[in-house]
Amino acid sequence: MARIAVIGAGMGAMAAAARLAVAGHTVAVYERAETYGGAVGRFERDGFAFDTGPALLHLPAVYRDLFVKTGREPLERCVELSQVDPASRHLFPDGTTLALPNASRAGTVTALDAALGAGAGERWSAFLGRARDAWDRSRRPLLEEPLPADVSPYARDPYPGPRTGLLRRSARTLAEVGRRELGDARLAALLEWYALAYGFHPGTAPASAAVLPYLEQTFGTWYVAGGLRALADAVYQRCRERRVEFSFGTAVTEVVERDGRAVGVALADGRVVDADHVVTGAPLPALYRERVVGRGDQDGWPRFQQGVPTGRVTVCLALRGAREEGAAHRTVVHSADREGESAALAEGRLAARPTVTVLRPDDARLRPDAEHEAVTVTATVPAAEGLWGGGAGGSAVEGFVEAVVGAAEAAVPGLRERLLWRQVRTPADTLRETGSCRVPGPALAGAGGSLLPAANPAPLPGLYFAGGWSHPGGGLAHAGMSGALVAGLIVEGAGFRGSR
């Protein structure tokens, strides 16, 4: 069988490695860091633990399939999964509070009518019906199949606007969908938050981004006991059980090419490892910058997803005092100045009043005892490296962090009085750990095809892309799907079209 060299031990790369190993190939993973998981990291201090990347799981079927296909123990025997209910609680500037149930269309309609007034649920439900049409049109080509050579059909937006007259132009962006179709500023803010949560600017994201709330509200929101790092642990363990070899603290400096094909990798210690195929899960910006593979300005090599580049600021809060009974796992505190926040993001500035997401998991594994609580607060921010060169130390950044924590006070009673310490993580930390400031978003149709990530087969034969920077894009579920696609292409060849 073939020898496979894998660059990076992120979730997409490990998903590919486990599948390739169970198919009989010899798989070796080379990771420059000292651990696995990529963006699925963890920060620990004084008995507190925090996810530093994604913290909730959507489309768990992706990882259920991985575990079914690579061993006897299913996912639920390796990690403890539970549905988050309510899926999210929303606090609006006018004092409105909205709690959305998990994966219940009827429950969502009822909750919206109760919180926002009669008719709000019906308008949102009608919007979700149109989002479902866009999902049905794009799900298979943008999630379950390798990208074809001709991606021009995906440049067109599949979102069908409401039929309101022949002369009315359809909404081109998600923000336009909210303004035109939802009839309530709070519903529009809810819609825009889904885009922000995935790293998209609502004012530039195509209308097809409507699939993002549809995905969450249809397939549910799940929590992994111990935090999502526990899922990374389980995937790594499954790889080891399948005899995948890992070399940590081992940087790859070059993909070795011979006769127009990838034939191995060169390591920083001077070794050259031969391989029949090379899979890389590292971010494309890092690969290009360090000349590990070809550059994005070369003909045939993929460029980064276009649009407003965004990253995340994460504030880990160690609190004294127990989490109050009935507290929501996830609360979104919406900005009192949505237009100002949108303009700041588009212009590469930090918003004075950001929208923040507050995560308060009721998990004993994340706190030293029952009289303490670990809280994580995140905000989507511009990802320009110049803005974050000083990490969390610059005055503008410090002011933004204060605004983030201030917003979180609406979701956490007595936050300031309970605060023991905080740890701030910015896109500078993301750059140091992954090679890129920005967080890639999932593939979206429309926008002229500018939001399609790199195809899994690289322009260099024998080289494949896996992970959030490759098809079908960023997000934990999408990374797992990229691993499945890469494994299928290597095992079955170029004719592989995905599982049905």
Protein backbone atom coordinates (compact mmCIF):
# COMPACT_ATOMS: atom_id res chain seq x y z
CA MET A 1 0.00 0.00 0.00
CA ALA A 2 1.00 3.65 -0.32
CA ARG A 3 3.14 5.74 2.01
CA ILE A 4 1.34 8.92 3.07
CA ALA A 5 3.06 11.94 4.60
CA VAL A 6 0.70 14.34 6.41
CA ILE A 7 1.73 17.91 7.22
CA GLY A 8 0.05 19.12 10.40
CA ALA A 9 -2.11 17.40 13.00
CA GLY A 10 -5.23 19.55 12.74
CA MET A 11 -8.69 17.99 12.75
CA GLY A 12 -9.00 17.72 8.95
CA ALA A 13 -5.53 16.24 8.61
CA MET A 14 -6.16 13.69 11.38
CA ALA A 15 -9.54 12.78 9.86
CA ALA A 16 -7.78 12.02 6.58
CA ALA A 17 -4.96 10.15 8.35
CA ALA A 18 -7.32 7.81 10.24
CA ARG A 19 -9.32 6.98 7.10
CA LEU A 20 -6.18 6.38 5.03
CA ALA A 21 -4.67 4.17 7.71
CA VAL A 22 -7.75 1.99 7.98
CA ALA A 23 -7.59 1.59 4.19
CA GLY A 24 -4.21 -0.05 4.65
CA HIS A 25 -1.84 2.81 3.90
CA THR A 26 1.21 3.69 5.98
CA VAL A 27 0.58 7.16 7.41
CA ALA A 28 3.05 9.48 9.14
CA VAL A 29 2.04 12.90 10.51
CA TYR A 30 4.57 15.73 10.98
CA GLU A 31 3.41 18.54 13.27
CA ARG A 32 5.55 21.59 14.04
CA ALA A 33 3.79 22.22 17.35
CA GLU A 34 4.06 19.99 20.39
CA THR A 35 0.48 18.78 20.25
CA TYR A 36 -2.39 17.92 17.90
CA GLY A 37 -5.74 19.53 17.17
CA GLY A 38 -4.69 22.66 15.28
CA ALA A 39 -7.18 25.42 16.08
CA VAL A 40 -8.97 23.15 18.56
CA GLY A 41 -6.80 24.22 21.46
CA ARG A 42 -7.08 24.58 25.19
CA PHE A 43 -5.82 27.02 27.81
CA GLU A 44 -5.47 25.78 31.40
CA ARG A 45 -4.54 27.60 34.59
CA ASP A 46 -5.28 27.15 38.30
CA GLY A 47 -7.74 24.33 37.69
CA PHE A 48 -9.68 26.27 35.02
CA ALA A 49 -9.80 25.10 31.40
CA PHE A 50 -11.05 26.90 28.29
CA ASP A 51 -11.50 25.98 24.63
CA THR A 52 -9.44 28.47 22.62
CA GLY A 53 -10.96 27.58 19.25
CA PRO A 54 -14.43 26.27 18.42
CA ALA A 55 -16.44 25.34 21.51
CA LEU A 56 -19.65 23.82 20.10
CA LEU A 57 -20.21 21.09 17.54
CA HIS A 58 -22.59 21.26 14.60
CA LEU A 59 -23.30 18.38 12.21
CA PRO A 60 -21.97 15.71 14.61
CA ALA A 61 -22.83 13.15 11.89
CA VAL A 62 -19.48 14.05 10.27
CA TYR A 63 -17.54 12.70 13.24
CA ARG A 64 -19.96 9.85 13.81
CA ASP A 65 -19.17 8.73 10.27
CA LEU A 66 -15.43 9.07 10.90
CA PHE A 67 -15.58 6.84 13.96
CA VAL A 68 -17.85 4.27 12.29
CA LYS A 69 -15.55 4.04 9.27
CA THR A 70 -12.32 3.77 11.28
CA GLY A 71 -13.08 1.44 14.18
CA ARG A 72 -15.52 -0.50 16.29
CA GLU A 73 -16.22 2.09 18.96
CA PRO A 74 -18.70 4.75 17.83
CA LEU A 75 -18.23 8.41 18.62
CA GLU A 76 -20.57 8.38 21.64
CA ARG A 77 -18.40 5.76 23.35
CA CYS A 78 -15.34 7.95 22.93
CA VAL A 79 -16.81 11.32 23.93
CA GLU A 80 -19.92 12.42 25.80
CA LEU A 81 -22.22 14.47 23.57
CA SER A 82 -25.22 16.49 24.73
CA GLN A 83 -27.56 18.88 22.97
CA VAL A 84 -27.38 22.50 24.10
CA ASP A 85 -30.84 23.71 25.06
CA PRO A 86 -31.58 26.50 24.64
CA ALA A 87 -29.27 26.54 21.66
CA SER A 88 -28.65 30.24 22.24
CA ARG A 89 -29.98 33.09 24.33
CA HIS A 90 -30.00 36.55 22.76
CA LEU A 91 -29.91 39.89 24.55
CA PHE A 92 -30.87 42.88 22.38
CA PRO A 93 -30.10 46.55 23.11
CA ASP A 94 -33.77 47.39 23.74
CA GLY A 95 -33.91 44.90 26.61
CA THR A 96 -35.55 42.07 24.65
CA THR A 97 -34.46 38.58 25.67
CA LEU A 98 -34.88 35.64 23.29
CA ALA A 99 -34.10 31.98 24.00
CA LEU A 100 -34.00 29.76 20.91
CA PRO A 101 -34.63 26.02 21.39
CA ASN A 102 -32.31 23.43 19.93
CA ALA A 103 -33.32 22.04 16.53
CA SER A 104 -37.04 22.80 16.82
CA ARG A 105 -38.63 24.77 14.00
CA ALA A 106 -42.00 24.99 15.77
CA GLY A 107 -40.33 25.88 19.06
CA THR A 108 -38.34 28.63 17.38
CA VAL A 109 -41.50 30.15 15.88
CA THR A 110 -43.18 30.13 19.29
CA ALA A 111 -40.13 31.66 21.00
CA LEU A 112 -39.82 34.43 18.41
CA ASP A 113 -43.50 35.36 18.63
CA ALA A 114 -43.32 35.45 22.41
CA ALA A 115 -40.17 37.59 22.53
CA LEU A 116 -40.49 39.82 19.46
CA GLY A 117 -44.22 39.95 18.84
CA ALA A 118 -46.78 38.09 16.76
CA GLY A 119 -45.63 37.45 13.20
CA ALA A 120 -41.89 37.38 13.95
CA GLY A 121 -41.85 33.59 14.02
CA GLU A 122 -43.73 33.34 10.73
CA ARG A 123 -41.30 35.73 9.00
CA TRP A 124 -38.30 33.81 10.31
CA SER A 125 -39.86 30.49 9.33
CA ALA A 126 -40.51 31.74 5.79
CA PHE A 127 -36.88 32.88 5.60
CA LEU A 128 -35.69 29.46 6.79
CA GLY A 129 -37.79 27.86 4.07
CA ARG A 130 -35.87 29.84 1.47
CA ALA A 131 -32.61 29.03 3.25
CA ARG A 132 -33.55 25.34 3.02
CA ASP A 133 -33.90 25.71 -0.74
CA ALA A 134 -30.40 27.19 -0.91
CA TRP A 135 -29.12 24.36 1.31
CA ASP A 136 -30.72 21.70 -0.89
CA ARG A 137 -29.16 23.25 -4.00
CA SER A 138 -25.67 23.58 -2.56
CA ARG A 139 -25.30 20.88 0.09
CA ARG A 140 -23.94 18.09 -2.06
CA PRO A 141 -21.58 20.05 -4.34
CA LEU A 142 -20.30 22.29 -1.56
CA LEU A 143 -20.05 19.77 1.29
CA GLU A 144 -20.10 16.19 0.13
CA GLU A 145 -18.27 16.13 -3.21
CA PRO A 146 -14.83 17.28 -4.36
CA LEU A 147 -14.93 20.56 -6.23
CA PRO A 148 -15.10 20.03 -10.00
CA ALA A 149 -12.63 21.66 -12.35
CA ASP A 150 -15.34 24.06 -13.50
CA VAL A 151 -16.68 25.90 -10.46
CA SER A 152 -18.46 28.61 -12.44
CA PRO A 153 -21.94 27.24 -11.56
CA TYR A 154 -21.18 27.95 -7.89
CA ALA A 155 -20.48 31.60 -8.61
CA ARG A 156 -24.26 32.10 -8.77
CA ASP A 157 -26.14 32.60 -5.52
CA PRO A 158 -28.65 29.78 -4.84
CA TYR A 159 -30.68 31.74 -2.28
CA PRO A 160 -34.19 32.35 -3.70
CA GLY A 161 -35.57 35.70 -2.58
CA PRO A 162 -39.30 36.02 -1.88
CA ARG A 163 -41.51 36.54 -4.90
CA THR A 164 -42.51 40.16 -4.53
CA GLY A 165 -42.69 41.35 -8.11
CA LEU A 166 -40.80 40.99 -11.36
CA LEU A 167 -38.94 44.28 -11.10
CA ARG A 168 -37.58 43.91 -7.58
CA ARG A 169 -33.91 43.00 -7.45
CA SER A 170 -33.07 40.03 -5.22
CA ALA A 171 -30.98 40.63 -2.13
CA ARG A 172 -27.28 40.22 -2.87
CA THR A 173 -25.92 40.10 0.68
CA LEU A 174 -27.05 38.59 3.94
CA ALA A 175 -27.50 42.05 5.44
CA GLU A 176 -29.88 42.91 2.59
CA VAL A 177 -31.85 39.73 3.30
CA GLY A 178 -32.28 40.86 6.89
CA ARG A 179 -33.39 44.37 5.99
CA ARG A 180 -35.78 43.36 3.21
CA GLU A 181 -37.28 40.11 4.38
CA LEU A 182 -37.38 39.97 8.18
CA GLY A 183 -39.17 43.20 9.06
CA ASP A 184 -37.62 43.58 12.51
CA ALA A 185 -34.21 44.98 13.45
CA ARG A 186 -33.81 42.30 16.10
CA LEU A 187 -34.45 39.51 13.61
CA ALA A 188 -31.94 41.13 11.27
CA ALA A 189 -29.41 41.27 14.12
CA LEU A 190 -30.04 37.59 14.85
CA LEU A 191 -29.41 36.71 11.20
CA GLU A 192 -26.25 38.79 11.04
CA TRP A 193 -24.88 37.15 14.17
CA TYR A 194 -24.86 33.78 12.43
CA ALA A 195 -22.61 35.26 9.75
CA LEU A 196 -20.32 36.87 12.33
CA ALA A 197 -20.08 33.59 14.25
CA TYR A 198 -18.63 31.93 11.14
CA GLY A 199 -16.31 34.84 10.42
CA PHE A 200 -18.29 36.47 7.59
CA HIS A 201 -19.09 40.17 7.34
CA PRO A 202 -22.91 40.38 6.93
CA GLY A 203 -22.56 43.33 4.55
CA THR A 204 -20.39 41.38 2.10
CA ALA A 205 -21.44 37.77 2.69
CA PRO A 206 -23.71 36.56 -0.12
CA ALA A 207 -27.37 35.86 0.51
CA SER A 208 -26.48 32.15 0.37
CA ALA A 209 -24.99 32.57 3.88
CA ALA A 210 -28.61 31.98 4.91
CA VAL A 211 -27.62 28.30 5.02
CA LEU A 212 -25.66 28.99 8.23
CA PRO A 213 -28.66 29.60 10.52
CA TYR A 214 -30.53 26.87 8.67
CA LEU A 215 -27.72 24.41 9.40
CA GLU A 216 -27.65 25.17 13.12
CA GLN A 217 -31.39 25.35 13.65
CA THR A 218 -32.06 22.16 11.68
CA PHE A 219 -29.24 19.85 12.78
CA GLY A 220 -28.73 21.19 16.27
CA THR A 221 -25.98 22.46 18.53
CA TRP A 222 -23.97 19.99 20.59
CA TYR A 223 -21.52 20.17 23.47
CA VAL A 224 -18.67 17.73 24.07
CA ALA A 225 -18.10 17.06 27.77
CA GLY A 226 -14.73 18.40 28.78
CA GLY A 227 -14.79 20.88 25.90
CA LEU A 228 -14.10 20.33 22.23
CA ARG A 229 -10.49 19.52 23.03
CA ALA A 230 -11.91 16.16 24.17
CA LEU A 231 -13.00 15.52 20.58
CA ALA A 232 -9.46 16.27 19.36
CA ASP A 233 -8.19 13.79 21.98
CA ALA A 234 -10.58 11.14 20.69
CA VAL A 235 -9.63 11.65 17.02
CA TYR A 236 -5.93 11.53 17.90
CA GLN A 237 -6.46 8.32 19.87
CA ARG A 238 -8.35 6.78 16.96
CA CYS A 239 -5.40 7.64 14.68
CA ARG A 240 -2.99 5.95 17.10
CA GLU A 241 -5.19 2.87 17.24
CA ARG A 242 -4.98 2.70 13.46
CA ARG A 243 -1.16 2.90 13.75
CA VAL A 244 -0.76 6.41 12.40
CA GLU A 245 2.69 7.68 13.42
CA PHE A 246 3.03 11.22 14.84
CA SER A 247 6.18 13.34 15.03
CA PHE A 248 5.61 16.49 17.11
CA GLY A 249 7.97 19.44 17.16
CA THR A 250 8.83 18.51 13.58
CA ALA A 251 8.42 21.22 10.96
CA VAL A 252 8.12 20.47 7.26
CA THR A 253 10.13 22.96 5.22
CA GLU A 254 9.28 21.79 1.72
CA VAL A 255 7.11 19.43 -0.27
CA VAL A 256 9.63 17.54 -2.38
CA GLU A 257 8.80 17.52 -6.07
CA ARG A 258 10.23 15.20 -8.72
CA ASP A 259 9.14 14.87 -12.34
CA GLY A 260 6.18 17.16 -11.72
CA ARG A 261 4.82 15.22 -8.74
CA ALA A 262 4.96 15.40 -4.93
CA VAL A 263 7.21 12.57 -3.75
CA GLY A 264 7.87 13.41 -0.12
CA VAL A 265 8.62 16.10 2.45
CA ALA A 266 11.79 17.76 3.68
CA LEU A 267 12.02 18.31 7.44
CA ALA A 268 13.67 21.12 9.37
CA ASP A 269 16.24 18.68 10.82
CA GLY A 270 17.50 17.91 7.33
CA ARG A 271 15.76 14.60 6.76
CA VAL A 272 13.82 13.88 3.59
CA VAL A 273 10.88 11.49 3.92
CA ASP A 274 9.72 9.73 0.76
CA ALA A 275 5.99 9.40 0.17
CA ASP A 276 3.60 8.31 -2.55
CA HIS A 277 1.13 11.03 -1.53
CA VAL A 278 1.41 14.15 0.63
CA VAL A 279 -1.55 15.60 2.54
CA THR A 280 -1.26 19.03 4.13
CA GLY A 281 -3.63 20.37 6.73
CA ALA A 282 -1.64 23.54 7.38
CA PRO A 283 -3.19 26.95 6.49
CA LEU A 284 -2.43 28.06 2.96
CA PRO A 285 -1.05 31.45 4.11
CA ALA A 286 1.64 29.70 6.15
CA LEU A 287 2.44 27.22 3.37
CA TYR A 288 2.87 30.02 0.85
CA ARG A 289 4.75 32.38 3.16
CA GLU A 290 7.28 29.71 4.15
CA ARG A 291 7.58 28.35 0.59
CA VAL A 292 6.55 24.87 1.66
CA VAL A 293 4.43 24.66 -1.50
CA GLY A 294 3.77 26.97 -4.45
CA ARG A 295 2.53 30.52 -3.97
CA GLY A 296 -0.95 31.93 -4.37
CA ASP A 297 0.27 34.37 -7.02
CA GLN A 298 1.38 31.53 -9.26
CA ASP A 299 -0.91 30.37 -12.03
CA GLY A 300 -2.96 27.36 -11.02
CA TRP A 301 -2.40 27.65 -7.27
CA PRO A 302 -5.42 28.55 -5.15
CA ARG A 303 -5.80 31.95 -3.57
CA PHE A 304 -7.29 32.63 -0.18
CA GLN A 305 -11.01 33.08 0.30
CA GLN A 306 -11.82 36.66 -0.57
CA GLY A 307 -13.99 39.06 1.38
CA VAL A 308 -13.30 40.90 4.63
CA PRO A 309 -10.59 38.91 6.50
CA THR A 310 -11.71 38.24 10.06
CA GLY A 311 -10.34 36.57 13.16
CA ARG A 312 -11.42 36.28 16.78
CA VAL A 313 -10.63 37.79 20.12
CA THR A 314 -11.23 35.34 22.96
CA VAL A 315 -11.27 36.32 26.61
CA CYS A 316 -11.02 33.49 29.14
CA LEU A 317 -12.55 34.51 32.48
CA ALA A 318 -11.86 32.69 35.75
CA LEU A 319 -14.70 33.52 38.15
CA ARG A 320 -15.29 32.85 41.84
CA GLY A 321 -18.77 31.76 42.74
CA ALA A 322 -20.99 29.05 41.31
CA ARG A 323 -22.80 29.32 38.00
CA GLU A 324 -26.41 30.20 38.77
CA GLU A 325 -29.00 27.53 38.13
CA GLY A 326 -30.67 27.82 34.74
CA ALA A 327 -27.91 29.90 33.16
CA ALA A 328 -27.76 29.54 29.38
CA HIS A 329 -24.77 27.73 27.89
CA ARG A 330 -24.47 30.31 25.08
CA THR A 331 -25.63 33.91 25.27
CA VAL A 332 -25.23 36.47 22.48
CA VAL A 333 -25.11 40.10 23.56
CA HIS A 334 -25.95 42.10 20.45
CA SER A 335 -24.24 45.40 19.71
CA ALA A 336 -26.13 48.62 20.43
CA ASP A 337 -24.55 50.02 17.26
CA ARG A 338 -24.83 47.40 14.53
CA GLU A 339 -24.07 49.87 11.75
CA GLY A 340 -20.98 51.12 13.56
CA GLU A 341 -19.81 47.57 14.21
CA SER A 342 -20.31 46.63 10.57
CA ALA A 343 -18.45 49.71 9.32
CA ALA A 344 -15.55 49.11 11.69
CA LEU A 345 -15.18 45.50 10.60
CA ALA A 346 -15.28 46.47 6.92
CA GLU A 347 -12.66 49.16 7.46
CA GLY A 348 -10.31 47.01 9.52
CA ARG A 349 -11.03 48.83 12.79
CA LEU A 350 -12.09 47.60 16.20
CA ALA A 351 -15.72 48.33 17.02
CA ALA A 352 -16.51 50.48 20.04
CA ARG A 353 -19.52 48.31 20.88
CA PRO A 354 -19.00 44.76 19.59
CA THR A 355 -21.41 41.85 19.49
CA VAL A 356 -20.09 39.17 21.84
CA THR A 357 -20.84 35.50 22.43
CA VAL A 358 -20.62 34.31 26.02
CA LEU A 359 -20.11 30.60 26.71
CA ARG A 360 -20.90 29.25 30.18
CA PRO A 361 -20.75 25.44 30.02
CA ASP A 362 -21.96 23.65 33.15
CA ASP A 363 -19.01 21.25 33.16
CA ALA A 364 -17.10 20.23 36.29
CA ARG A 365 -14.09 19.32 34.14
CA LEU A 366 -13.49 22.98 33.33
CA ARG A 367 -13.37 24.46 36.83
CA PRO A 368 -11.46 23.72 40.03
CA ASP A 369 -14.62 23.07 42.07
CA ALA A 370 -18.33 23.84 42.26
CA GLU A 371 -17.64 27.29 43.73
CA HIS A 372 -15.97 28.58 40.57
CA GLU A 373 -16.90 29.05 36.93
CA ALA A 374 -14.99 29.16 33.64
CA VAL A 375 -16.49 31.60 31.10
CA THR A 376 -15.32 32.27 27.54
CA VAL A 377 -16.24 35.43 25.63
CA THR A 378 -15.55 35.82 21.89
CA ALA A 379 -15.91 38.57 19.31
CA THR A 380 -15.26 38.64 15.57
CA VAL A 381 -12.62 41.20 14.61
CA PRO A 382 -10.55 42.35 11.61
CA ALA A 383 -7.63 40.00 10.99
CA ALA A 384 -5.05 42.38 9.53
CA GLU A 385 -1.67 41.38 10.93
CA GLY A 386 -0.65 45.02 11.48
CA LEU A 387 -3.54 45.50 13.90
CA TRP A 388 -2.47 42.58 16.08
CA GLY A 389 1.32 42.77 15.91
CA GLY A 390 1.48 43.76 19.57
CA GLY A 391 -0.91 41.05 20.71
CA ALA A 392 -3.16 42.20 23.55
CA GLY A 393 -0.84 44.96 24.72
CA GLY A 394 -1.79 47.93 22.51
CA SER A 395 -4.06 50.64 23.92
CA ALA A 396 -6.68 50.15 21.17
CA VAL A 397 -6.73 46.41 21.82
CA GLU A 398 -6.95 46.90 25.58
CA GLY A 399 -9.90 49.23 25.09
CA PHE A 400 -11.60 46.68 22.85
CA VAL A 401 -11.09 43.90 25.41
CA GLU A 402 -12.67 46.13 28.05
CA ALA A 403 -15.65 46.63 25.72
CA VAL A 404 -15.92 42.86 25.22
CA VAL A 405 -15.87 42.16 28.95
CA GLY A 406 -18.27 45.03 29.56
CA ALA A 407 -20.76 43.57 27.10
CA ALA A 408 -20.42 40.14 28.72
CA GLU A 409 -21.61 41.61 32.05
CA ALA A 410 -25.13 41.59 30.66
CA ALA A 411 -24.95 37.79 30.44
CA VAL A 412 -23.01 36.98 33.62
CA PRO A 413 -24.42 38.40 36.88
CA GLY A 414 -21.76 40.09 39.01
CA LEU A 415 -18.99 39.39 36.53
CA ARG A 416 -16.63 42.18 37.65
CA GLU A 417 -16.96 41.33 41.34
CA ARG A 418 -16.44 37.61 40.67
CA LEU A 419 -13.43 37.99 38.36
CA LEU A 420 -10.23 36.31 39.58
CA TRP A 421 -8.21 36.77 36.39
CA ARG A 422 -8.59 36.84 32.63
CA GLN A 423 -6.52 35.61 29.72
CA VAL A 424 -6.83 37.40 26.38
CA ARG A 425 -6.18 35.72 23.06
CA THR A 426 -6.06 37.71 19.83
CA PRO A 427 -5.44 36.93 16.15
CA ALA A 428 -1.72 37.31 16.98
CA ASP A 429 -2.03 34.09 18.98
CA THR A 430 -3.88 32.45 16.11
CA LEU A 431 -1.05 33.50 13.78
CA ARG A 432 1.60 32.11 16.10
CA GLU A 433 -0.17 28.78 16.53
CA THR A 434 -1.60 28.16 13.06
CA GLY A 435 0.28 30.43 10.66
CA SER A 436 -2.62 32.78 9.90
CA CYS A 437 -4.43 35.60 11.73
CA ARG A 438 -7.73 34.89 10.05
CA VAL A 439 -10.21 32.13 10.69
CA PRO A 440 -11.44 30.57 7.43
CA GLY A 441 -15.16 30.29 6.83
CA PRO A 442 -17.11 27.45 5.23
CA ALA A 443 -17.61 27.36 1.47
CA LEU A 444 -20.46 29.50 0.18
CA ALA A 445 -21.92 29.67 -3.29
CA GLY A 446 -22.43 33.07 -4.87
CA ALA A 447 -20.17 36.14 -4.54
CA GLY A 448 -18.71 35.27 -7.93
CA GLY A 449 -17.11 32.16 -6.47
CA SER A 450 -14.79 34.20 -4.23
CA LEU A 451 -15.79 32.24 -1.11
CA LEU A 452 -14.86 28.83 -2.47
CA PRO A 453 -11.80 27.43 -0.69
CA ALA A 454 -8.94 25.50 -2.29
CA ALA A 455 -9.89 22.27 -4.03
CA ASN A 456 -8.64 19.16 -2.24
CA PRO A 457 -6.28 18.03 -5.03
CA ALA A 458 -3.47 20.59 -5.28
CA PRO A 459 -2.12 21.77 -8.66
CA LEU A 460 0.92 19.56 -7.97
CA PRO A 461 -0.07 15.89 -8.53
CA GLY A 462 0.32 13.76 -5.44
CA LEU A 463 -0.37 16.70 -3.09
CA TYR A 464 -3.73 17.19 -1.35
CA PHE A 465 -5.22 19.91 0.85
CA ALA A 466 -7.25 19.06 3.97
CA GLY A 467 -8.57 21.21 6.82
CA GLY A 468 -10.34 24.54 7.09
CA TRP A 469 -8.43 26.24 4.24
CA SER A 470 -9.52 23.60 1.74
CA HIS A 471 -12.85 22.41 0.40
CA PRO A 472 -15.45 22.48 1.96
CA GLY A 473 -13.97 25.24 4.14
CA GLY A 474 -13.65 26.28 7.77
CA GLY A 475 -15.53 24.99 10.78
CA LEU A 476 -15.11 21.77 12.70
CA ALA A 477 -17.62 19.76 10.69
CA HIS A 478 -16.28 21.09 7.39
CA ALA A 479 -12.71 20.18 8.38
CA GLY A 480 -13.85 16.62 9.07
CA MET A 481 -15.54 16.48 5.67
CA SER A 482 -12.35 17.69 3.98
CA GLY A 483 -10.49 14.75 5.52
CA ALA A 484 -13.08 12.33 4.16
CA LEU A 485 -12.83 13.84 0.68
CA VAL A 486 -9.03 13.68 0.61
CA ALA A 487 -9.03 10.07 1.79
CA GLY A 488 -11.60 9.17 -0.87
CA LEU A 489 -9.57 10.82 -3.63
CA ILE A 490 -6.41 8.96 -2.63
CA VAL A 491 -8.07 5.59 -2.10
CA GLU A 492 -10.47 5.64 -5.04
CA GLY A 493 -8.74 8.06 -7.39
CA ALA A 494 -9.83 11.17 -9.26
CA GLY A 495 -13.24 9.68 -10.06
CA PHE A 496 -14.29 9.71 -6.39
CA ARG A 497 -17.48 11.74 -5.97
CA GLY A 498 -18.16 11.44 -2.26
CA SER A 499 -20.28 9.10 -0.18
CA ARG A 500 -23.95 8.78 -0.91
